[in-house]
Amino acid sequence: MKKLIVIGLAVCVIPAIVANAADAKESYEKNCTKCHGSDGKGQTKMGQKIGIKDFTDAKRQEALTDAAALKAIKEGVKDKEDKTLMKPLEGVTDEEAKALVAYVRTFKK
């Protein structure tokens, strides 16, 4: 009986995790690549203009907490003069935002 429960949970949970990862990649490509680049390095015209940090840099990844990344996704980012550097991602759920942060973490080298 326990084996059936474990197998049943695995069959339900694993596809959901994979779907979230695929959705997060699609969301990143749609909403983030213009500035952050498809590789997360921020070496795009817009990324260089506003000083995007390199998500492949392990030190940068370590310095960026999940809470800060989630806040940036949900609320956007402003500079010291209150100029918008990144608009919030409209309509994103907490789960979608968490999946997006997890996807960004995959850029770390």
PDB file of N, CA and C in Angstrom:
ATOM      1  N   MET A   1       0.824  -1.197   0.000  1.00  0.00           N
ATOM      2  CA  MET A   1       0.000   0.000   0.000  1.00  0.00           C
ATOM      3  C   MET A   1       0.869   1.262   0.000  1.00  0.00           C
ATOM      4  N   LYS A   2       1.917   1.259   0.843  1.00  0.00           N
ATOM      5  CA  LYS A   2       2.805   2.417   0.899  1.00  0.00           C
ATOM      6  C   LYS A   2       3.482   2.651  -0.443  1.00  0.00           C
ATOM      7  N   LYS A   3       3.872   1.555  -1.114  1.00  0.00           N
ATOM      8  CA  LYS A   3       4.505   1.687  -2.428  1.00  0.00           C
ATOM      9  C   LYS A   3       3.555   2.342  -3.420  1.00  0.00           C
ATOM     10  N   LEU A   4       2.300   1.974  -3.379  1.00  0.00           N
ATOM     11  CA  LEU A   4       1.314   2.567  -4.286  1.00  0.00           C
ATOM     12  C   LEU A   4       1.154   4.059  -4.028  1.00  0.00           C
ATOM     13  N   ILE A   5       1.168   4.445  -2.768  1.00  0.00           N
ATOM     14  CA  ILE A   5       1.040   5.867  -2.436  1.00  0.00           C
ATOM     15  C   ILE A   5       2.259   6.630  -2.940  1.00  0.00           C
ATOM     16  N   VAL A   6       3.447   6.094  -2.694  1.00  0.00           N
ATOM     17  CA  VAL A   6       4.683   6.742  -3.146  1.00  0.00           C
ATOM     18  C   VAL A   6       4.708   6.842  -4.665  1.00  0.00           C
ATOM     19  N   ILE A   7       4.369   5.777  -5.334  1.00  0.00           N
ATOM     20  CA  ILE A   7       4.351   5.780  -6.803  1.00  0.00           C
ATOM     21  C   ILE A   7       3.302   6.764  -7.312  1.00  0.00           C
ATOM     22  N   GLY A   8       2.144   6.769  -6.686  1.00  0.00           N
ATOM     23  CA  GLY A   8       1.082   7.694  -7.085  1.00  0.00           C
ATOM     24  C   GLY A   8       1.503   9.141  -6.928  1.00  0.00           C
ATOM     25  N   LEU A   9       2.149   9.453  -5.809  1.00  0.00           N
ATOM     26  CA  LEU A   9       2.641  10.817  -5.603  1.00  0.00           C
ATOM     27  C   LEU A   9       3.698  11.176  -6.635  1.00  0.00           C
ATOM     28  N   ALA A  10       4.602  10.258  -6.914  1.00  0.00           N
ATOM     29  CA  ALA A  10       5.659  10.523  -7.896  1.00  0.00           C
ATOM     30  C   ALA A  10       5.061  10.789  -9.270  1.00  0.00           C
ATOM     31  N   VAL A  11       4.065  10.024  -9.634  1.00  0.00           N
ATOM     32  CA  VAL A  11       3.434  10.194 -10.947  1.00  0.00           C
ATOM     33  C   VAL A  11       2.751  11.560 -11.044  1.00  0.00           C
ATOM     34  N   CYS A  12       2.224  12.053  -9.948  1.00  0.00           N
ATOM     35  CA  CYS A  12       1.538  13.351  -9.953  1.00  0.00           C
ATOM     36  C   CYS A  12       2.491  14.525  -9.783  1.00  0.00           C
ATOM     37  N   VAL A  13       3.474  14.396  -8.917  1.00  0.00           N
ATOM     38  CA  VAL A  13       4.344  15.513  -8.561  1.00  0.00           C
ATOM     39  C   VAL A  13       5.423  15.767  -9.605  1.00  0.00           C
ATOM     40  N   ILE A  14       6.077  14.748 -10.086  1.00  0.00           N
ATOM     41  CA  ILE A  14       7.187  14.938 -11.028  1.00  0.00           C
ATOM     42  C   ILE A  14       6.735  15.664 -12.303  1.00  0.00           C
ATOM     43  N   PRO A  15       5.636  15.289 -12.924  1.00  0.00           N
ATOM     44  CA  PRO A  15       5.210  16.069 -14.103  1.00  0.00           C
ATOM     45  C   PRO A  15       4.916  17.528 -13.789  1.00  0.00           C
ATOM     46  N   ALA A  16       4.394  17.809 -12.594  1.00  0.00           N
ATOM     47  CA  ALA A  16       4.119  19.198 -12.208  1.00  0.00           C
ATOM     48  C   ALA A  16       5.415  19.981 -12.086  1.00  0.00           C
ATOM     49  N   ILE A  17       6.442  19.371 -11.532  1.00  0.00           N
ATOM     50  CA  ILE A  17       7.740  20.034 -11.402  1.00  0.00           C
ATOM     51  C   ILE A  17       8.325  20.307 -12.779  1.00  0.00           C
ATOM     52  N   VAL A  18       8.270  19.332 -13.653  1.00  0.00           N
ATOM     53  CA  VAL A  18       8.784  19.498 -15.015  1.00  0.00           C
ATOM     54  C   VAL A  18       7.991  20.570 -15.753  1.00  0.00           C
ATOM     55  N   ALA A  19       6.677  20.590 -15.581  1.00  0.00           N
ATOM     56  CA  ALA A  19       5.844  21.607 -16.229  1.00  0.00           C
ATOM     57  C   ALA A  19       6.211  22.990 -15.721  1.00  0.00           C
ATOM     58  N   ASN A  20       6.423  23.136 -14.404  1.00  0.00           N
ATOM     59  CA  ASN A  20       6.825  24.427 -13.856  1.00  0.00           C
ATOM     60  C   ASN A  20       8.146  24.886 -14.444  1.00  0.00           C
ATOM     61  N   ALA A  21       9.091  23.968 -14.584  1.00  0.00           N
ATOM     62  CA  ALA A  21      10.395  24.319 -15.154  1.00  0.00           C
ATOM     63  C   ALA A  21      10.239  24.774 -16.595  1.00  0.00           C
ATOM     64  N   ALA A  22       9.420  24.080 -17.367  1.00  0.00           N
ATOM     65  CA  ALA A  22       9.202  24.460 -18.758  1.00  0.00           C
ATOM     66  C   ALA A  22       8.494  25.810 -18.838  1.00  0.00           C
ATOM     67  N   ASP A  23       7.506  26.017 -17.978  1.00  0.00           N
ATOM     68  CA  ASP A  23       6.789  27.293 -17.947  1.00  0.00           C
ATOM     69  C   ASP A  23       7.727  28.427 -17.554  1.00  0.00           C
ATOM     70  N   ALA A  24       8.615  28.156 -16.586  1.00  0.00           N
ATOM     71  CA  ALA A  24       9.559  29.177 -16.125  1.00  0.00           C
ATOM     72  C   ALA A  24      10.513  29.557 -17.250  1.00  0.00           C
ATOM     73  N   LYS A  25      10.996  28.579 -17.992  1.00  0.00           N
ATOM     74  CA  LYS A  25      11.897  28.863 -19.113  1.00  0.00           C
ATOM     75  C   LYS A  25      11.180  29.711 -20.153  1.00  0.00           C
ATOM     76  N   GLU A  26       9.950  29.342 -20.461  1.00  0.00           N
ATOM     77  CA  GLU A  26       9.159  30.090 -21.440  1.00  0.00           C
ATOM     78  C   GLU A  26       8.910  31.519 -20.953  1.00  0.00           C
ATOM     79  N   SER A  27       8.585  31.665 -19.675  1.00  0.00           N
ATOM     80  CA  SER A  27       8.357  32.987 -19.096  1.00  0.00           C
ATOM     81  C   SER A  27       9.632  33.830 -19.137  1.00  0.00           C
ATOM     82  N   TYR A  28      10.774  33.214 -18.807  1.00  0.00           N
ATOM     83  CA  TYR A  28      12.060  33.923 -18.852  1.00  0.00           C
ATOM     84  C   TYR A  28      12.335  34.394 -20.274  1.00  0.00           C
ATOM     85  N   GLU A  29      12.165  33.494 -21.235  1.00  0.00           N
ATOM     86  CA  GLU A  29      12.440  33.848 -22.631  1.00  0.00           C
ATOM     87  C   GLU A  29      11.522  34.975 -23.105  1.00  0.00           C
ATOM     88  N   LYS A  30      10.285  34.958 -22.665  1.00  0.00           N
ATOM     89  CA  LYS A  30       9.311  35.972 -23.093  1.00  0.00           C
ATOM     90  C   LYS A  30       9.548  37.320 -22.408  1.00  0.00           C
ATOM     91  N   ASN A  31       9.875  37.295 -21.113  1.00  0.00           N
ATOM     92  CA  ASN A  31       9.886  38.521 -20.320  1.00  0.00           C
ATOM     93  C   ASN A  31      11.260  39.052 -19.927  1.00  0.00           C
ATOM     94  N   CYS A  32      12.283  38.226 -19.969  1.00  0.00           N
ATOM     95  CA  CYS A  32      13.548  38.605 -19.350  1.00  0.00           C
ATOM     96  C   CYS A  32      14.741  38.709 -20.300  1.00  0.00           C
ATOM     97  N   THR A  33      14.678  38.033 -21.434  1.00  0.00           N
ATOM     98  CA  THR A  33      15.858  37.946 -22.303  1.00  0.00           C
ATOM     99  C   THR A  33      16.271  39.278 -22.916  1.00  0.00           C
ATOM    100  N   LYS A  34      15.339  40.195 -23.086  1.00  0.00           N
ATOM    101  CA  LYS A  34      15.680  41.489 -23.687  1.00  0.00           C
ATOM    102  C   LYS A  34      16.789  42.179 -22.896  1.00  0.00           C
ATOM    103  N   CYS A  35      16.744  42.052 -21.591  1.00  0.00           N
ATOM    104  CA  CYS A  35      17.765  42.685 -20.733  1.00  0.00           C
ATOM    105  C   CYS A  35      18.783  41.679 -20.214  1.00  0.00           C
ATOM    106  N   HIS A  36      18.300  40.557 -19.698  1.00  0.00           N
ATOM    107  CA  HIS A  36      19.189  39.588 -19.060  1.00  0.00           C
ATOM    108  C   HIS A  36      19.880  38.649 -20.045  1.00  0.00           C
ATOM    109  N   GLY A  37      19.385  38.572 -21.270  1.00  0.00           N
ATOM    110  CA  GLY A  37      19.958  37.685 -22.271  1.00  0.00           C
ATOM    111  C   GLY A  37      19.494  36.253 -22.094  1.00  0.00           C
ATOM    112  N   SER A  38      19.488  35.501 -23.168  1.00  0.00           N
ATOM    113  CA  SER A  38      19.019  34.112 -23.094  1.00  0.00           C
ATOM    114  C   SER A  38      19.951  33.250 -22.255  1.00  0.00           C
ATOM    115  N   ASP A  39      21.198  33.686 -22.089  1.00  0.00           N
ATOM    116  CA  ASP A  39      22.173  32.939 -21.301  1.00  0.00           C
ATOM    117  C   ASP A  39      22.324  33.479 -19.880  1.00  0.00           C
ATOM    118  N   GLY A  40      21.602  34.556 -19.541  1.00  0.00           N
ATOM    119  CA  GLY A  40      21.647  35.125 -18.201  1.00  0.00           C
ATOM    120  C   GLY A  40      22.834  36.030 -17.922  1.00  0.00           C
ATOM    121  N   LYS A  41      23.634  36.310 -18.922  1.00  0.00           N
ATOM    122  CA  LYS A  41      24.843  37.114 -18.704  1.00  0.00           C
ATOM    123  C   LYS A  41      24.581  38.621 -18.710  1.00  0.00           C
ATOM    124  N   GLY A  42      23.438  39.039 -19.224  1.00  0.00           N
ATOM    125  CA  GLY A  42      23.105  40.464 -19.244  1.00  0.00           C
ATOM    126  C   GLY A  42      23.861  41.245 -20.303  1.00  0.00           C
ATOM    127  N   GLN A  43      24.426  40.563 -21.269  1.00  0.00           N
ATOM    128  CA  GLN A  43      25.229  41.226 -22.305  1.00  0.00           C
ATOM    129  C   GLN A  43      24.387  41.602 -23.520  1.00  0.00           C
ATOM    130  N   THR A  44      23.229  42.159 -23.258  1.00  0.00           N
ATOM    131  CA  THR A  44      22.372  42.672 -24.317  1.00  0.00           C
ATOM    132  C   THR A  44      22.543  44.183 -24.348  1.00  0.00           C
ATOM    133  N   LYS A  45      22.062  44.797 -25.390  1.00  0.00           N
ATOM    134  CA  LYS A  45      22.154  46.261 -25.488  1.00  0.00           C
ATOM    135  C   LYS A  45      21.488  46.921 -24.275  1.00  0.00           C
ATOM    136  N   MET A  46      20.276  46.484 -23.968  1.00  0.00           N
ATOM    137  CA  MET A  46      19.544  47.046 -22.829  1.00  0.00           C
ATOM    138  C   MET A  46      20.215  46.663 -21.512  1.00  0.00           C
ATOM    139  N   GLY A  47      20.651  45.426 -21.403  1.00  0.00           N
ATOM    140  CA  GLY A  47      21.305  44.975 -20.176  1.00  0.00           C
ATOM    141  C   GLY A  47      22.555  45.765 -19.855  1.00  0.00           C
ATOM    142  N   GLN A  48      23.340  46.046 -20.870  1.00  0.00           N
ATOM    143  CA  GLN A  48      24.553  46.829 -20.661  1.00  0.00           C
ATOM    144  C   GLN A  48      24.221  48.278 -20.313  1.00  0.00           C
ATOM    145  N   LYS A  49      23.167  48.789 -20.912  1.00  0.00           N
ATOM    146  CA  LYS A  49      22.756  50.178 -20.661  1.00  0.00           C
ATOM    147  C   LYS A  49      22.377  50.401 -19.199  1.00  0.00           C
ATOM    148  N   ILE A  50      21.683  49.434 -18.602  1.00  0.00           N
ATOM    149  CA  ILE A  50      21.223  49.615 -17.223  1.00  0.00           C
ATOM    150  C   ILE A  50      22.070  48.856 -16.195  1.00  0.00           C
ATOM    151  N   GLY A  51      23.130  48.207 -16.644  1.00  0.00           N
ATOM    152  CA  GLY A  51      24.060  47.557 -15.717  1.00  0.00           C
ATOM    153  C   GLY A  51      23.567  46.252 -15.119  1.00  0.00           C
ATOM    154  N   ILE A  52      22.952  45.423 -15.946  1.00  0.00           N
ATOM    155  CA  ILE A  52      22.458  44.119 -15.489  1.00  0.00           C
ATOM    156  C   ILE A  52      23.624  43.275 -14.987  1.00  0.00           C
ATOM    157  N   LYS A  53      23.391  42.573 -13.890  1.00  0.00           N
ATOM    158  CA  LYS A  53      24.394  41.670 -13.335  1.00  0.00           C
ATOM    159  C   LYS A  53      24.360  40.329 -14.062  1.00  0.00           C
ATOM    160  N   ASP A  54      25.494  39.663 -14.074  1.00  0.00           N
ATOM    161  CA  ASP A  54      25.667  38.374 -14.749  1.00  0.00           C
ATOM    162  C   ASP A  54      25.145  37.244 -13.863  1.00  0.00           C
ATOM    163  N   PHE A  55      24.054  36.600 -14.268  1.00  0.00           N
ATOM    164  CA  PHE A  55      23.478  35.495 -13.502  1.00  0.00           C
ATOM    165  C   PHE A  55      24.321  34.227 -13.566  1.00  0.00           C
ATOM    166  N   THR A  56      25.311  34.172 -14.443  1.00  0.00           N
ATOM    167  CA  THR A  56      26.174  32.986 -14.494  1.00  0.00           C
ATOM    168  C   THR A  56      27.284  33.073 -13.454  1.00  0.00           C
ATOM    169  N   ASP A  57      27.482  34.240 -12.877  1.00  0.00           N
ATOM    170  CA  ASP A  57      28.524  34.463 -11.876  1.00  0.00           C
ATOM    171  C   ASP A  57      28.078  33.876 -10.529  1.00  0.00           C
ATOM    172  N   ALA A  58      28.839  32.915 -10.025  1.00  0.00           N
ATOM    173  CA  ALA A  58      28.477  32.234  -8.774  1.00  0.00           C
ATOM    174  C   ALA A  58      28.381  33.220  -7.607  1.00  0.00           C
ATOM    175  N   LYS A  59      29.275  34.203  -7.551  1.00  0.00           N
ATOM    176  CA  LYS A  59      29.233  35.184  -6.461  1.00  0.00           C
ATOM    177  C   LYS A  59      27.966  36.035  -6.541  1.00  0.00           C
ATOM    178  N   ARG A  60      27.576  36.400  -7.738  1.00  0.00           N
ATOM    179  CA  ARG A  60      26.349  37.184  -7.928  1.00  0.00           C
ATOM    180  C   ARG A  60      25.138  36.361  -7.510  1.00  0.00           C
ATOM    181  N   GLN A  61      25.129  35.094  -7.899  1.00  0.00           N
ATOM    182  CA  GLN A  61      24.026  34.209  -7.520  1.00  0.00           C
ATOM    183  C   GLN A  61      23.943  34.063  -5.998  1.00  0.00           C
ATOM    184  N   GLU A  62      25.100  33.948  -5.358  1.00  0.00           N
ATOM    185  CA  GLU A  62      25.132  33.803  -3.906  1.00  0.00           C
ATOM    186  C   GLU A  62      24.608  35.067  -3.219  1.00  0.00           C
ATOM    187  N   ALA A  63      24.942  36.214  -3.773  1.00  0.00           N
ATOM    188  CA  ALA A  63      24.526  37.493  -3.187  1.00  0.00           C
ATOM    189  C   ALA A  63      23.034  37.763  -3.390  1.00  0.00           C
ATOM    190  N   LEU A  64      22.450  37.199  -4.430  1.00  0.00           N
ATOM    191  CA  LEU A  64      21.033  37.413  -4.732  1.00  0.00           C
ATOM    192  C   LEU A  64      20.191  36.387  -3.973  1.00  0.00           C
ATOM    193  N   THR A  65      19.513  36.846  -2.952  1.00  0.00           N
ATOM    194  CA  THR A  65      18.658  35.936  -2.186  1.00  0.00           C
ATOM    195  C   THR A  65      17.388  35.631  -2.967  1.00  0.00           C
ATOM    196  N   ASP A  66      16.772  34.520  -2.638  1.00  0.00           N
ATOM    197  CA  ASP A  66      15.499  34.184  -3.273  1.00  0.00           C
ATOM    198  C   ASP A  66      14.466  35.267  -2.972  1.00  0.00           C
ATOM    199  N   ALA A  67      14.482  35.774  -1.747  1.00  0.00           N
ATOM    200  CA  ALA A  67      13.516  36.808  -1.363  1.00  0.00           C
ATOM    201  C   ALA A  67      13.691  38.068  -2.212  1.00  0.00           C
ATOM    202  N   ALA A  68      14.941  38.470  -2.441  1.00  0.00           N
ATOM    203  CA  ALA A  68      15.201  39.659  -3.263  1.00  0.00           C
ATOM    204  C   ALA A  68      14.796  39.415  -4.711  1.00  0.00           C
ATOM    205  N   ALA A  69      15.079  38.218  -5.211  1.00  0.00           N
ATOM    206  CA  ALA A  69      14.711  37.885  -6.595  1.00  0.00           C
ATOM    207  C   ALA A  69      13.188  37.863  -6.749  1.00  0.00           C
ATOM    208  N   LEU A  70      12.500  37.275  -5.788  1.00  0.00           N
ATOM    209  CA  LEU A  70      11.034  37.240  -5.834  1.00  0.00           C
ATOM    210  C   LEU A  70      10.451  38.652  -5.771  1.00  0.00           C
ATOM    211  N   LYS A  71      11.017  39.480  -4.919  1.00  0.00           N
ATOM    212  CA  LYS A  71      10.546  40.862  -4.812  1.00  0.00           C
ATOM    213  C   LYS A  71      10.749  41.600  -6.135  1.00  0.00           C
ATOM    214  N   ALA A  72      11.897  41.406  -6.779  1.00  0.00           N
ATOM    215  CA  ALA A  72      12.164  42.056  -8.064  1.00  0.00           C
ATOM    216  C   ALA A  72      11.156  41.615  -9.121  1.00  0.00           C
ATOM    217  N   ILE A  73      10.855  40.336  -9.136  1.00  0.00           N
ATOM    218  CA  ILE A  73       9.898  39.802 -10.117  1.00  0.00           C
ATOM    219  C   ILE A  73       8.501  40.372  -9.859  1.00  0.00           C
ATOM    220  N   LYS A  74       8.090  40.374  -8.622  1.00  0.00           N
ATOM    221  CA  LYS A  74       6.724  40.780  -8.278  1.00  0.00           C
ATOM    222  C   LYS A  74       6.534  42.305  -8.212  1.00  0.00           C
ATOM    223  N   GLU A  75       7.608  43.046  -7.795  1.00  0.00           N
ATOM    224  CA  GLU A  75       7.459  44.488  -7.580  1.00  0.00           C
ATOM    225  C   GLU A  75       8.291  45.343  -8.530  1.00  0.00           C
ATOM    226  N   GLY A  76       9.200  44.728  -9.264  1.00  0.00           N
ATOM    227  CA  GLY A  76      10.086  45.480 -10.132  1.00  0.00           C
ATOM    228  C   GLY A  76      11.308  45.978  -9.380  1.00  0.00           C
ATOM    229  N   VAL A  77      12.157  46.733 -10.086  1.00  0.00           N
ATOM    230  CA  VAL A  77      13.391  47.264  -9.498  1.00  0.00           C
ATOM    231  C   VAL A  77      13.522  48.726  -9.899  1.00  0.00           C
ATOM    232  N   LYS A  78      13.874  49.550  -8.917  1.00  0.00           N
ATOM    233  CA  LYS A  78      14.115  50.980  -9.172  1.00  0.00           C
ATOM    234  C   LYS A  78      15.520  51.324  -8.697  1.00  0.00           C
ATOM    235  N   ASP A  79      16.096  52.357  -9.301  1.00  0.00           N
ATOM    236  CA  ASP A  79      17.410  52.813  -8.859  1.00  0.00           C
ATOM    237  C   ASP A  79      17.247  53.808  -7.703  1.00  0.00           C
ATOM    238  N   LYS A  80      18.348  54.391  -7.277  1.00  0.00           N
ATOM    239  CA  LYS A  80      18.313  55.306  -6.127  1.00  0.00           C
ATOM    240  C   LYS A  80      17.509  56.568  -6.398  1.00  0.00           C
ATOM    241  N   GLU A  81      17.386  56.941  -7.666  1.00  0.00           N
ATOM    242  CA  GLU A  81      16.597  58.126  -8.032  1.00  0.00           C
ATOM    243  C   GLU A  81      15.147  57.771  -8.333  1.00  0.00           C
ATOM    244  N   ASP A  82      14.738  56.552  -7.999  1.00  0.00           N
ATOM    245  CA  ASP A  82      13.377  56.058  -8.200  1.00  0.00           C
ATOM    246  C   ASP A  82      13.027  55.843  -9.672  1.00  0.00           C
ATOM    247  N   LYS A  83      14.053  55.706 -10.513  1.00  0.00           N
ATOM    248  CA  LYS A  83      13.840  55.395 -11.932  1.00  0.00           C
ATOM    249  C   LYS A  83      13.656  53.871 -12.064  1.00  0.00           C
ATOM    250  N   THR A  84      12.647  53.475 -12.817  1.00  0.00           N
ATOM    251  CA  THR A  84      12.364  52.056 -13.004  1.00  0.00           C
ATOM    252  C   THR A  84      13.435  51.403 -13.871  1.00  0.00           C
ATOM    253  N   LEU A  85      14.092  50.391 -13.319  1.00  0.00           N
ATOM    254  CA  LEU A  85      15.067  49.608 -14.073  1.00  0.00           C
ATOM    255  C   LEU A  85      14.439  48.328 -14.605  1.00  0.00           C
ATOM    256  N   MET A  86      13.498  47.803 -13.833  1.00  0.00           N
ATOM    257  CA  MET A  86      12.794  46.577 -14.239  1.00  0.00           C
ATOM    258  C   MET A  86      11.349  46.688 -13.790  1.00  0.00           C
ATOM    259  N   LYS A  87      10.445  46.502 -14.725  1.00  0.00           N
ATOM    260  CA  LYS A  87       9.024  46.521 -14.395  1.00  0.00           C
ATOM    261  C   LYS A  87       8.654  45.193 -13.732  1.00  0.00           C
ATOM    262  N   PRO A  88       7.636  45.227 -12.866  1.00  0.00           N
ATOM    263  CA  PRO A  88       7.182  43.969 -12.266  1.00  0.00           C
ATOM    264  C   PRO A  88       6.568  43.076 -13.344  1.00  0.00           C
ATOM    265  N   LEU A  89       6.647  41.801 -13.130  1.00  0.00           N
ATOM    266  CA  LEU A  89       6.051  40.842 -14.054  1.00  0.00           C
ATOM    267  C   LEU A  89       4.568  40.755 -13.722  1.00  0.00           C
ATOM    268  N   GLU A  90       3.742  41.294 -14.573  1.00  0.00           N
ATOM    269  CA  GLU A  90       2.296  41.390 -14.341  1.00  0.00           C
ATOM    270  C   GLU A  90       1.629  40.015 -14.299  1.00  0.00           C
ATOM    271  N   GLY A  91       0.767  39.830 -13.309  1.00  0.00           N
ATOM    272  CA  GLY A  91      -0.067  38.632 -13.238  1.00  0.00           C
ATOM    273  C   GLY A  91       0.653  37.355 -12.846  1.00  0.00           C
ATOM    274  N   VAL A  92       1.894  37.452 -12.412  1.00  0.00           N
ATOM    275  CA  VAL A  92       2.639  36.252 -12.045  1.00  0.00           C
ATOM    276  C   VAL A  92       2.212  35.792 -10.644  1.00  0.00           C
ATOM    277  N   THR A  93       1.979  34.496 -10.501  1.00  0.00           N
ATOM    278  CA  THR A  93       1.639  33.948  -9.189  1.00  0.00           C
ATOM    279  C   THR A  93       2.922  33.729  -8.392  1.00  0.00           C
ATOM    280  N   ASP A  94       2.767  33.490  -7.099  1.00  0.00           N
ATOM    281  CA  ASP A  94       3.925  33.208  -6.256  1.00  0.00           C
ATOM    282  C   ASP A  94       4.656  31.960  -6.744  1.00  0.00           C
ATOM    283  N   GLU A  95       3.906  30.944  -7.122  1.00  0.00           N
ATOM    284  CA  GLU A  95       4.516  29.696  -7.612  1.00  0.00           C
ATOM    285  C   GLU A  95       5.271  29.927  -8.918  1.00  0.00           C
ATOM    286  N   GLU A  96       4.694  30.717  -9.807  1.00  0.00           N
ATOM    287  CA  GLU A  96       5.372  31.030 -11.070  1.00  0.00           C
ATOM    288  C   GLU A  96       6.650  31.828 -10.818  1.00  0.00           C
ATOM    289  N   ALA A  97       6.585  32.765  -9.881  1.00  0.00           N
ATOM    290  CA  ALA A  97       7.763  33.563  -9.542  1.00  0.00           C
ATOM    291  C   ALA A  97       8.858  32.678  -8.944  1.00  0.00           C
ATOM    292  N   LYS A  98       8.482  31.759  -8.070  1.00  0.00           N
ATOM    293  CA  LYS A  98       9.453  30.834  -7.476  1.00  0.00           C
ATOM    294  C   LYS A  98      10.090  29.947  -8.543  1.00  0.00           C
ATOM    295  N   ALA A  99       9.287  29.493  -9.493  1.00  0.00           N
ATOM    296  CA  ALA A  99       9.821  28.670 -10.582  1.00  0.00           C
ATOM    297  C   ALA A  99      10.782  29.484 -11.446  1.00  0.00           C
ATOM    298  N   LEU A 100      10.484  30.746 -11.648  1.00  0.00           N
ATOM    299  CA  LEU A 100      11.350  31.630 -12.421  1.00  0.00           C
ATOM    300  C   LEU A 100      12.689  31.842 -11.704  1.00  0.00           C
ATOM    301  N   VAL A 101      12.639  32.027 -10.390  1.00  0.00           N
ATOM    302  CA  VAL A 101      13.881  32.151  -9.609  1.00  0.00           C
ATOM    303  C   VAL A 101      14.690  30.864  -9.723  1.00  0.00           C
ATOM    304  N   ALA A 102      14.032  29.729  -9.618  1.00  0.00           N
ATOM    305  CA  ALA A 102      14.730  28.444  -9.743  1.00  0.00           C
ATOM    306  C   ALA A 102      15.371  28.327 -11.129  1.00  0.00           C
ATOM    307  N   TYR A 103      14.680  28.800 -12.163  1.00  0.00           N
ATOM    308  CA  TYR A 103      15.243  28.758 -13.513  1.00  0.00           C
ATOM    309  C   TYR A 103      16.476  29.650 -13.611  1.00  0.00           C
ATOM    310  N   VAL A 104      16.409  30.844 -13.050  1.00  0.00           N
ATOM    311  CA  VAL A 104      17.555  31.758 -13.063  1.00  0.00           C
ATOM    312  C   VAL A 104      18.753  31.120 -12.356  1.00  0.00           C
ATOM    313  N   ARG A 105      18.485  30.357 -11.310  1.00  0.00           N
ATOM    314  CA  ARG A 105      19.563  29.662 -10.584  1.00  0.00           C
ATOM    315  C   ARG A 105      20.298  28.662 -11.470  1.00  0.00           C
ATOM    316  N   THR A 106      19.667  28.184 -12.522  1.00  0.00           N
ATOM    317  CA  THR A 106      20.339  27.210 -13.406  1.00  0.00           C
ATOM    318  C   THR A 106      21.448  27.845 -14.238  1.00  0.00           C
ATOM    319  N   PHE A 107      21.501  29.168 -14.298  1.00  0.00           N
ATOM    320  CA  PHE A 107      22.561  29.843 -15.069  1.00  0.00           C
ATOM    321  C   PHE A 107      23.904  29.819 -14.352  1.00  0.00           C
ATOM    322  N   LYS A 108      23.876  29.607 -13.043  1.00  0.00           N
ATOM    323  CA  LYS A 108      25.107  29.653 -12.237  1.00  0.00           C
ATOM    324  C   LYS A 108      26.127  28.633 -12.738  1.00  0.00           C
ATOM    325  N   LYS A 109      27.352  29.115 -12.863  1.00  0.00           N
ATOM    326  CA  LYS A 109      28.424  28.226 -13.314  1.00  0.00           C
ATOM    327  C   LYS A 109      29.433  28.015 -12.227  1.00  0.00           C
TER     328      LYS A 109
END
